[in-house]
Amino acid sequence: MRFLRVVVIIGVVLGALFVGADRWAAGYAENQLADRIQSRQGLAGTAEVEIHGFPFLTQAASRDLDRVDLKLRGVEAMADGRKTRLAELDASFRGVTLNGDYTRGTARRAEGSALITYADLTTASQTGATLAYGGAPGKVKVTAGIEVLGKSLTRSVVSTVTLEDAKDGKGGKVVRVHAEEVPGEGIPGIEGLVRKKTDFDRRLDGGLPVGLRLSSLTSDEAGVHLALSGSNVVLAGS
């Protein structure tokens, strides 16, 4: 009985040591992956990575991770020479295959979400317009100042924010803000002047992990929410 008790104690100790070593290795890998993603994305904010599944060491040895969750804060999407800040980007990567030196990971599929606040959308407009919640999903309120016949006028419009296919031949999607109706008050040309300030398109492709695509969009009081999905998505690497 004493021998069995010793065997059990040794087994528990070795098991605890293995679990501790496994969790340490997973934590180390998470930190290294987060640092690499942050460096690759050029983030001013933060990157957090969580590797799911146990034991991690077995997954690492086979270079195949079941699931990796990524949280980015303050990522800038660069496209057409313009930056659009994403306040949040959360994504879940499934079936991540690592390369030989563990510097690159590619997920068989991924899905997630991103948030653009109205403050960041205002900056992205680059027209001097101010954007806010429009009172219903998919609606934004856009306020802009214009000059008409030497007079300064301020106009607010309710615009629809949608996700559209890019028409520049490069593929991908654009976030489009378009006023439903512009109050003209009988002044010739005022609608065109207002739309120059309130209507705009912005691509976001340049700031997303390779293979991750925009799939849908809506808005609420917090901002504009984007749904993301893709296959063969690059999680890290150059």
C-alpha atoms as a PDB file:
ATOM      1  CA  MET A   1       0.000   0.000   0.000  1.00  0.00           C
ATOM      2  CA  ARG A   2       2.861   2.353   0.819  1.00  0.00           C
ATOM      3  CA  PHE A   3       4.422   1.663  -2.574  1.00  0.00           C
ATOM      4  CA  LEU A   4       1.152   2.457  -4.343  1.00  0.00           C
ATOM      5  CA  ARG A   5       0.800   5.622  -2.307  1.00  0.00           C
ATOM      6  CA  VAL A   6       4.301   6.710  -3.324  1.00  0.00           C
ATOM      7  CA  VAL A   7       3.531   5.943  -6.974  1.00  0.00           C
ATOM      8  CA  VAL A   8       0.336   8.019  -6.780  1.00  0.00           C
ATOM      9  CA  ILE A   9       2.183  10.938  -5.153  1.00  0.00           C
ATOM     10  CA  ILE A  10       4.921  10.817  -7.776  1.00  0.00           C
ATOM     11  CA  GLY A  11       2.278  10.683 -10.503  1.00  0.00           C
ATOM     12  CA  VAL A  12       0.482  13.716  -9.080  1.00  0.00           C
ATOM     13  CA  VAL A  13       3.732  15.669  -8.780  1.00  0.00           C
ATOM     14  CA  LEU A  14       4.819  14.800 -12.319  1.00  0.00           C
ATOM     15  CA  GLY A  15       1.340  15.635 -13.600  1.00  0.00           C
ATOM     16  CA  ALA A  16       1.402  18.997 -11.859  1.00  0.00           C
ATOM     17  CA  LEU A  17       4.872  19.706 -13.236  1.00  0.00           C
ATOM     18  CA  PHE A  18       3.704  18.808 -16.755  1.00  0.00           C
ATOM     19  CA  VAL A  19       0.610  20.987 -16.484  1.00  0.00           C
ATOM     20  CA  GLY A  20       2.703  23.855 -15.130  1.00  0.00           C
ATOM     21  CA  ALA A  21       5.279  23.480 -17.893  1.00  0.00           C
ATOM     22  CA  ASP A  22       2.536  23.228 -20.508  1.00  0.00           C
ATOM     23  CA  ARG A  23       0.798  26.393 -19.277  1.00  0.00           C
ATOM     24  CA  TRP A  24       4.116  28.261 -19.102  1.00  0.00           C
ATOM     25  CA  ALA A  25       4.935  27.231 -22.670  1.00  0.00           C
ATOM     26  CA  ALA A  26       1.460  28.282 -23.851  1.00  0.00           C
ATOM     27  CA  GLY A  27       1.789  31.649 -22.115  1.00  0.00           C
ATOM     28  CA  TYR A  28       5.229  32.214 -23.608  1.00  0.00           C
ATOM     29  CA  ALA A  29       3.948  31.348 -27.086  1.00  0.00           C
ATOM     30  CA  GLU A  30       0.952  33.682 -26.635  1.00  0.00           C
ATOM     31  CA  ASN A  31       3.215  36.590 -25.667  1.00  0.00           C
ATOM     32  CA  GLN A  32       5.631  35.961 -28.536  1.00  0.00           C
ATOM     33  CA  LEU A  33       2.792  35.683 -31.042  1.00  0.00           C
ATOM     34  CA  ALA A  34       1.162  38.862 -29.711  1.00  0.00           C
ATOM     35  CA  ASP A  35       4.462  40.752 -30.021  1.00  0.00           C
ATOM     36  CA  ARG A  36       4.958  39.519 -33.574  1.00  0.00           C
ATOM     37  CA  ILE A  37       1.422  40.457 -34.611  1.00  0.00           C
ATOM     38  CA  GLN A  38       1.741  43.868 -32.973  1.00  0.00           C
ATOM     39  CA  SER A  39       5.029  44.505 -34.777  1.00  0.00           C
ATOM     40  CA  ARG A  40       3.649  43.301 -38.108  1.00  0.00           C
ATOM     41  CA  GLN A  41       0.487  45.402 -37.836  1.00  0.00           C
ATOM     42  CA  GLY A  42       2.378  48.454 -36.578  1.00  0.00           C
ATOM     43  CA  LEU A  43      -0.064  48.808 -33.709  1.00  0.00           C
ATOM     44  CA  ALA A  44      -0.101  51.839 -31.490  1.00  0.00           C
ATOM     45  CA  GLY A  45      -2.421  49.938 -29.150  1.00  0.00           C
ATOM     46  CA  THR A  46      -2.275  46.382 -27.824  1.00  0.00           C
ATOM     47  CA  ALA A  47      -2.468  42.794 -29.024  1.00  0.00           C
ATOM     48  CA  GLU A  48      -3.608  39.850 -26.893  1.00  0.00           C
ATOM     49  CA  VAL A  49      -3.465  36.193 -27.928  1.00  0.00           C
ATOM     50  CA  GLU A  50      -5.064  33.155 -26.297  1.00  0.00           C
ATOM     51  CA  ILE A  51      -4.176  29.645 -27.448  1.00  0.00           C
ATOM     52  CA  HIS A  52      -6.884  27.105 -26.667  1.00  0.00           C
ATOM     53  CA  GLY A  53      -6.583  23.350 -26.228  1.00  0.00           C
ATOM     54  CA  PHE A  54      -4.648  21.086 -23.867  1.00  0.00           C
ATOM     55  CA  PRO A  55      -1.938  20.006 -23.881  1.00  0.00           C
ATOM     56  CA  PHE A  56      -0.328  22.889 -25.782  1.00  0.00           C
ATOM     57  CA  LEU A  57       3.041  21.124 -26.089  1.00  0.00           C
ATOM     58  CA  THR A  58       1.466  18.295 -28.077  1.00  0.00           C
ATOM     59  CA  GLN A  59      -0.155  20.795 -30.447  1.00  0.00           C
ATOM     60  CA  ALA A  60       3.107  22.713 -30.801  1.00  0.00           C
ATOM     61  CA  ALA A  61       5.028  19.528 -31.566  1.00  0.00           C
ATOM     62  CA  SER A  62       2.618  18.719 -34.393  1.00  0.00           C
ATOM     63  CA  ARG A  63       2.610  22.387 -35.517  1.00  0.00           C
ATOM     64  CA  ASP A  64      -1.195  22.354 -35.536  1.00  0.00           C
ATOM     65  CA  LEU A  65      -3.131  24.509 -33.058  1.00  0.00           C
ATOM     66  CA  ASP A  66      -6.845  23.880 -32.550  1.00  0.00           C
ATOM     67  CA  ARG A  67      -7.885  27.489 -31.943  1.00  0.00           C
ATOM     68  CA  VAL A  68      -6.200  30.838 -31.429  1.00  0.00           C
ATOM     69  CA  ASP A  69      -8.129  33.946 -30.308  1.00  0.00           C
ATOM     70  CA  LEU A  70      -6.799  37.396 -31.118  1.00  0.00           C
ATOM     71  CA  LYS A  71      -7.757  40.764 -29.599  1.00  0.00           C
ATOM     72  CA  LEU A  72      -6.368  43.916 -31.209  1.00  0.00           C
ATOM     73  CA  ARG A  73      -6.919  47.398 -29.837  1.00  0.00           C
ATOM     74  CA  GLY A  74      -6.059  50.502 -31.826  1.00  0.00           C
ATOM     75  CA  VAL A  75      -5.157  48.885 -35.160  1.00  0.00           C
ATOM     76  CA  GLU A  76      -4.944  51.172 -38.189  1.00  0.00           C
ATOM     77  CA  ALA A  77      -6.236  49.908 -41.526  1.00  0.00           C
ATOM     78  CA  MET A  78      -4.217  51.470 -44.342  1.00  0.00           C
ATOM     79  CA  ALA A  79      -5.660  51.612 -47.863  1.00  0.00           C
ATOM     80  CA  ASP A  80      -5.345  54.062 -50.738  1.00  0.00           C
ATOM     81  CA  GLY A  81      -2.984  56.181 -48.663  1.00  0.00           C
ATOM     82  CA  ARG A  82      -5.584  56.724 -45.940  1.00  0.00           C
ATOM     83  CA  LYS A  83      -5.663  55.388 -42.389  1.00  0.00           C
ATOM     84  CA  THR A  84      -8.811  54.252 -40.636  1.00  0.00           C
ATOM     85  CA  ARG A  85      -8.481  53.343 -36.975  1.00  0.00           C
ATOM     86  CA  LEU A  86     -10.281  50.259 -35.677  1.00  0.00           C
ATOM     87  CA  ALA A  87     -10.933  50.660 -31.959  1.00  0.00           C
ATOM     88  CA  GLU A  88     -11.370  46.894 -31.556  1.00  0.00           C
ATOM     89  CA  LEU A  89     -10.724  43.814 -33.662  1.00  0.00           C
ATOM     90  CA  ASP A  90     -11.525  40.370 -32.215  1.00  0.00           C
ATOM     91  CA  ALA A  91     -10.972  37.223 -34.256  1.00  0.00           C
ATOM     92  CA  SER A  92     -10.970  33.466 -33.708  1.00  0.00           C
ATOM     93  CA  PHE A  93      -8.651  31.347 -35.882  1.00  0.00           C
ATOM     94  CA  ARG A  94      -9.392  27.631 -36.282  1.00  0.00           C
ATOM     95  CA  GLY A  95      -6.949  24.963 -37.411  1.00  0.00           C
ATOM     96  CA  VAL A  96      -3.758  27.025 -37.288  1.00  0.00           C
ATOM     97  CA  THR A  97      -0.799  25.371 -39.015  1.00  0.00           C
ATOM     98  CA  LEU A  98       2.649  26.627 -37.974  1.00  0.00           C
ATOM     99  CA  ASN A  99       5.660  26.676 -40.274  1.00  0.00           C
ATOM    100  CA  GLY A 100       8.959  24.950 -39.522  1.00  0.00           C
ATOM    101  CA  ASP A 101      10.500  27.680 -37.358  1.00  0.00           C
ATOM    102  CA  TYR A 102       7.207  28.717 -35.718  1.00  0.00           C
ATOM    103  CA  THR A 103       7.383  32.267 -37.141  1.00  0.00           C
ATOM    104  CA  ARG A 104       4.247  32.031 -39.261  1.00  0.00           C
ATOM    105  CA  GLY A 105       0.775  30.596 -38.726  1.00  0.00           C
ATOM    106  CA  THR A 106      -2.015  30.064 -41.248  1.00  0.00           C
ATOM    107  CA  ALA A 107      -5.584  29.288 -40.158  1.00  0.00           C
ATOM    108  CA  ARG A 108      -7.885  27.118 -42.240  1.00  0.00           C
ATOM    109  CA  ARG A 109     -10.742  29.437 -41.328  1.00  0.00           C
ATOM    110  CA  ALA A 110     -11.359  32.499 -39.184  1.00  0.00           C
ATOM    111  CA  GLU A 111     -14.160  34.780 -38.155  1.00  0.00           C
ATOM    112  CA  GLY A 112     -14.418  37.874 -36.024  1.00  0.00           C
ATOM    113  CA  SER A 113     -15.651  41.415 -35.592  1.00  0.00           C
ATOM    114  CA  ALA A 114     -14.299  44.963 -35.575  1.00  0.00           C
ATOM    115  CA  LEU A 115     -15.515  48.308 -34.250  1.00  0.00           C
ATOM    116  CA  ILE A 116     -15.015  51.779 -35.693  1.00  0.00           C
ATOM    117  CA  THR A 117     -16.093  54.487 -33.256  1.00  0.00           C
ATOM    118  CA  TYR A 118     -17.821  57.603 -34.556  1.00  0.00           C
ATOM    119  CA  ALA A 119     -14.812  59.672 -33.497  1.00  0.00           C
ATOM    120  CA  ASP A 120     -12.546  57.492 -35.649  1.00  0.00           C
ATOM    121  CA  LEU A 121     -15.062  57.518 -38.494  1.00  0.00           C
ATOM    122  CA  THR A 122     -15.109  61.314 -38.290  1.00  0.00           C
ATOM    123  CA  THR A 123     -11.331  61.347 -38.673  1.00  0.00           C
ATOM    124  CA  ALA A 124     -11.533  58.847 -41.533  1.00  0.00           C
ATOM    125  CA  SER A 125     -13.944  61.059 -43.475  1.00  0.00           C
ATOM    126  CA  GLN A 126     -11.161  63.635 -44.003  1.00  0.00           C
ATOM    127  CA  THR A 127     -13.825  66.183 -44.986  1.00  0.00           C
ATOM    128  CA  GLY A 128     -14.328  68.048 -41.723  1.00  0.00           C
ATOM    129  CA  ALA A 129     -17.711  66.394 -41.194  1.00  0.00           C
ATOM    130  CA  THR A 130     -18.737  65.053 -37.768  1.00  0.00           C
ATOM    131  CA  LEU A 131     -20.398  61.636 -37.533  1.00  0.00           C
ATOM    132  CA  ALA A 132     -22.689  60.276 -34.813  1.00  0.00           C
ATOM    133  CA  TYR A 133     -25.298  57.550 -34.350  1.00  0.00           C
ATOM    134  CA  GLY A 134     -28.236  57.982 -36.702  1.00  0.00           C
ATOM    135  CA  GLY A 135     -30.891  56.517 -34.399  1.00  0.00           C
ATOM    136  CA  ALA A 136     -31.293  53.146 -36.142  1.00  0.00           C
ATOM    137  CA  PRO A 137     -29.074  50.236 -37.242  1.00  0.00           C
ATOM    138  CA  GLY A 138     -27.124  51.129 -40.366  1.00  0.00           C
ATOM    139  CA  LYS A 139     -27.754  54.866 -39.968  1.00  0.00           C
ATOM    140  CA  VAL A 140     -25.343  57.654 -39.055  1.00  0.00           C
ATOM    141  CA  LYS A 141     -25.876  61.369 -38.547  1.00  0.00           C
ATOM    142  CA  VAL A 142     -23.404  63.500 -40.489  1.00  0.00           C
ATOM    143  CA  THR A 143     -22.974  67.196 -39.752  1.00  0.00           C
ATOM    144  CA  ALA A 144     -20.884  69.434 -42.006  1.00  0.00           C
ATOM    145  CA  GLY A 145     -20.260  73.102 -42.630  1.00  0.00           C
ATOM    146  CA  ILE A 146     -20.288  74.607 -46.145  1.00  0.00           C
ATOM    147  CA  GLU A 147     -19.860  78.013 -47.754  1.00  0.00           C
ATOM    148  CA  VAL A 148     -22.725  79.224 -49.979  1.00  0.00           C
ATOM    149  CA  LEU A 149     -22.688  82.699 -51.549  1.00  0.00           C
ATOM    150  CA  GLY A 150     -20.265  83.888 -48.901  1.00  0.00           C
ATOM    151  CA  LYS A 151     -22.325  82.547 -46.037  1.00  0.00           C
ATOM    152  CA  SER A 152     -21.367  79.705 -43.681  1.00  0.00           C
ATOM    153  CA  LEU A 153     -24.069  77.086 -43.343  1.00  0.00           C
ATOM    154  CA  THR A 154     -24.203  73.959 -41.206  1.00  0.00           C
ATOM    155  CA  ARG A 155     -26.239  71.006 -42.385  1.00  0.00           C
ATOM    156  CA  SER A 156     -26.983  67.632 -40.760  1.00  0.00           C
ATOM    157  CA  VAL A 157     -28.111  64.638 -42.777  1.00  0.00           C
ATOM    158  CA  VAL A 158     -29.064  61.065 -41.956  1.00  0.00           C
ATOM    159  CA  SER A 159     -26.830  58.783 -43.973  1.00  0.00           C
ATOM    160  CA  THR A 160     -26.817  55.071 -44.628  1.00  0.00           C
ATOM    161  CA  VAL A 161     -23.570  53.256 -43.861  1.00  0.00           C
ATOM    162  CA  THR A 162     -23.126  50.116 -45.950  1.00  0.00           C
ATOM    163  CA  LEU A 163     -20.523  47.609 -47.043  1.00  0.00           C
ATOM    164  CA  GLU A 164     -20.109  47.652 -50.826  1.00  0.00           C
ATOM    165  CA  ASP A 165     -17.917  45.972 -53.425  1.00  0.00           C
ATOM    166  CA  ALA A 166     -14.995  48.210 -54.352  1.00  0.00           C
ATOM    167  CA  LYS A 167     -15.271  49.591 -57.880  1.00  0.00           C
ATOM    168  CA  ASP A 168     -11.603  50.362 -58.442  1.00  0.00           C
ATOM    169  CA  GLY A 169     -10.776  46.971 -59.932  1.00  0.00           C
ATOM    170  CA  LYS A 170      -8.736  45.916 -56.885  1.00  0.00           C
ATOM    171  CA  GLY A 171     -11.482  43.767 -55.370  1.00  0.00           C
ATOM    172  CA  GLY A 172     -12.392  43.834 -51.709  1.00  0.00           C
ATOM    173  CA  LYS A 173     -14.956  45.920 -49.887  1.00  0.00           C
ATOM    174  CA  VAL A 174     -15.452  49.565 -48.972  1.00  0.00           C
ATOM    175  CA  VAL A 175     -17.368  51.174 -46.124  1.00  0.00           C
ATOM    176  CA  ARG A 176     -19.720  53.667 -47.785  1.00  0.00           C
ATOM    177  CA  VAL A 177     -21.460  56.594 -46.081  1.00  0.00           C
ATOM    178  CA  HIS A 178     -24.188  58.109 -48.295  1.00  0.00           C
ATOM    179  CA  ALA A 179     -26.816  60.709 -47.355  1.00  0.00           C
ATOM    180  CA  GLU A 180     -30.393  59.594 -47.982  1.00  0.00           C
ATOM    181  CA  GLU A 181     -31.592  63.123 -48.567  1.00  0.00           C
ATOM    182  CA  VAL A 182     -29.941  66.547 -48.500  1.00  0.00           C
ATOM    183  CA  PRO A 183     -32.026  69.603 -47.482  1.00  0.00           C
ATOM    184  CA  GLY A 184     -31.498  72.065 -50.317  1.00  0.00           C
ATOM    185  CA  GLU A 185     -33.884  74.836 -49.373  1.00  0.00           C
ATOM    186  CA  GLY A 186     -34.072  75.877 -53.033  1.00  0.00           C
ATOM    187  CA  ILE A 187     -30.413  76.964 -53.228  1.00  0.00           C
ATOM    188  CA  PRO A 188     -28.876  75.779 -56.530  1.00  0.00           C
ATOM    189  CA  GLY A 189     -25.902  73.450 -56.082  1.00  0.00           C
ATOM    190  CA  ILE A 190     -26.247  73.080 -52.327  1.00  0.00           C
ATOM    191  CA  GLU A 191     -26.815  69.328 -52.500  1.00  0.00           C
ATOM    192  CA  GLY A 192     -23.528  68.789 -54.312  1.00  0.00           C
ATOM    193  CA  LEU A 193     -21.660  70.966 -51.805  1.00  0.00           C
ATOM    194  CA  VAL A 194     -23.132  69.071 -48.857  1.00  0.00           C
ATOM    195  CA  ARG A 195     -22.449  65.661 -50.373  1.00  0.00           C
ATOM    196  CA  LYS A 196     -18.788  66.553 -50.915  1.00  0.00           C
ATOM    197  CA  LYS A 197     -18.560  66.775 -47.136  1.00  0.00           C
ATOM    198  CA  THR A 198     -20.970  64.042 -46.042  1.00  0.00           C
ATOM    199  CA  ASP A 199     -20.570  61.226 -48.596  1.00  0.00           C
ATOM    200  CA  PHE A 200     -17.396  59.121 -48.703  1.00  0.00           C
ATOM    201  CA  ASP A 201     -15.997  55.610 -49.206  1.00  0.00           C
ATOM    202  CA  ARG A 202     -13.159  54.021 -47.253  1.00  0.00           C
ATOM    203  CA  ARG A 203     -11.307  50.780 -47.893  1.00  0.00           C
ATOM    204  CA  LEU A 204     -10.047  48.810 -44.881  1.00  0.00           C
ATOM    205  CA  ASP A 205      -8.233  45.906 -46.549  1.00  0.00           C
ATOM    206  CA  GLY A 206      -4.741  47.137 -45.707  1.00  0.00           C
ATOM    207  CA  GLY A 207      -5.001  46.712 -41.930  1.00  0.00           C
ATOM    208  CA  LEU A 208      -6.497  43.226 -41.706  1.00  0.00           C
ATOM    209  CA  PRO A 209      -4.661  39.894 -41.409  1.00  0.00           C
ATOM    210  CA  VAL A 210      -4.113  38.472 -44.910  1.00  0.00           C
ATOM    211  CA  GLY A 211      -7.127  36.381 -45.942  1.00  0.00           C
ATOM    212  CA  LEU A 212      -9.561  38.005 -43.476  1.00  0.00           C
ATOM    213  CA  ARG A 213     -12.376  39.778 -45.337  1.00  0.00           C
ATOM    214  CA  LEU A 214     -15.222  42.106 -44.418  1.00  0.00           C
ATOM    215  CA  SER A 215     -18.552  40.267 -44.703  1.00  0.00           C
ATOM    216  CA  SER A 216     -21.259  42.508 -43.171  1.00  0.00           C
ATOM    217  CA  LEU A 217     -21.831  45.783 -41.340  1.00  0.00           C
ATOM    218  CA  THR A 218     -24.237  47.470 -38.933  1.00  0.00           C
ATOM    219  CA  SER A 219     -24.195  50.396 -36.505  1.00  0.00           C
ATOM    220  CA  ASP A 220     -25.423  51.285 -33.028  1.00  0.00           C
ATOM    221  CA  GLU A 221     -24.659  53.833 -30.309  1.00  0.00           C
ATOM    222  CA  ALA A 222     -21.092  52.525 -29.923  1.00  0.00           C
ATOM    223  CA  GLY A 223     -20.129  52.882 -33.578  1.00  0.00           C
ATOM    224  CA  VAL A 224     -19.961  50.879 -36.785  1.00  0.00           C
ATOM    225  CA  HIS A 225     -19.600  47.116 -36.325  1.00  0.00           C
ATOM    226  CA  LEU A 226     -17.958  44.979 -39.008  1.00  0.00           C
ATOM    227  CA  ALA A 227     -18.188  41.190 -39.323  1.00  0.00           C
ATOM    228  CA  LEU A 228     -15.085  39.422 -40.638  1.00  0.00           C
ATOM    229  CA  SER A 229     -14.481  35.966 -42.071  1.00  0.00           C
ATOM    230  CA  GLY A 230     -12.019  34.139 -44.259  1.00  0.00           C
ATOM    231  CA  SER A 231     -10.060  31.001 -45.077  1.00  0.00           C
ATOM    232  CA  ASN A 232      -6.298  30.417 -45.255  1.00  0.00           C
ATOM    233  CA  VAL A 233      -5.845  33.466 -43.021  1.00  0.00           C
ATOM    234  CA  VAL A 234      -2.310  34.477 -42.068  1.00  0.00           C
ATOM    235  CA  LEU A 235      -2.161  34.941 -38.308  1.00  0.00           C
ATOM    236  CA  ALA A 236       1.479  35.978 -38.128  1.00  0.00           C
ATOM    237  CA  GLY A 237       4.499  36.217 -40.328  1.00  0.00           C
ATOM    238  CA  SER A 238       5.755  38.456 -43.088  1.00  0.00           C
END
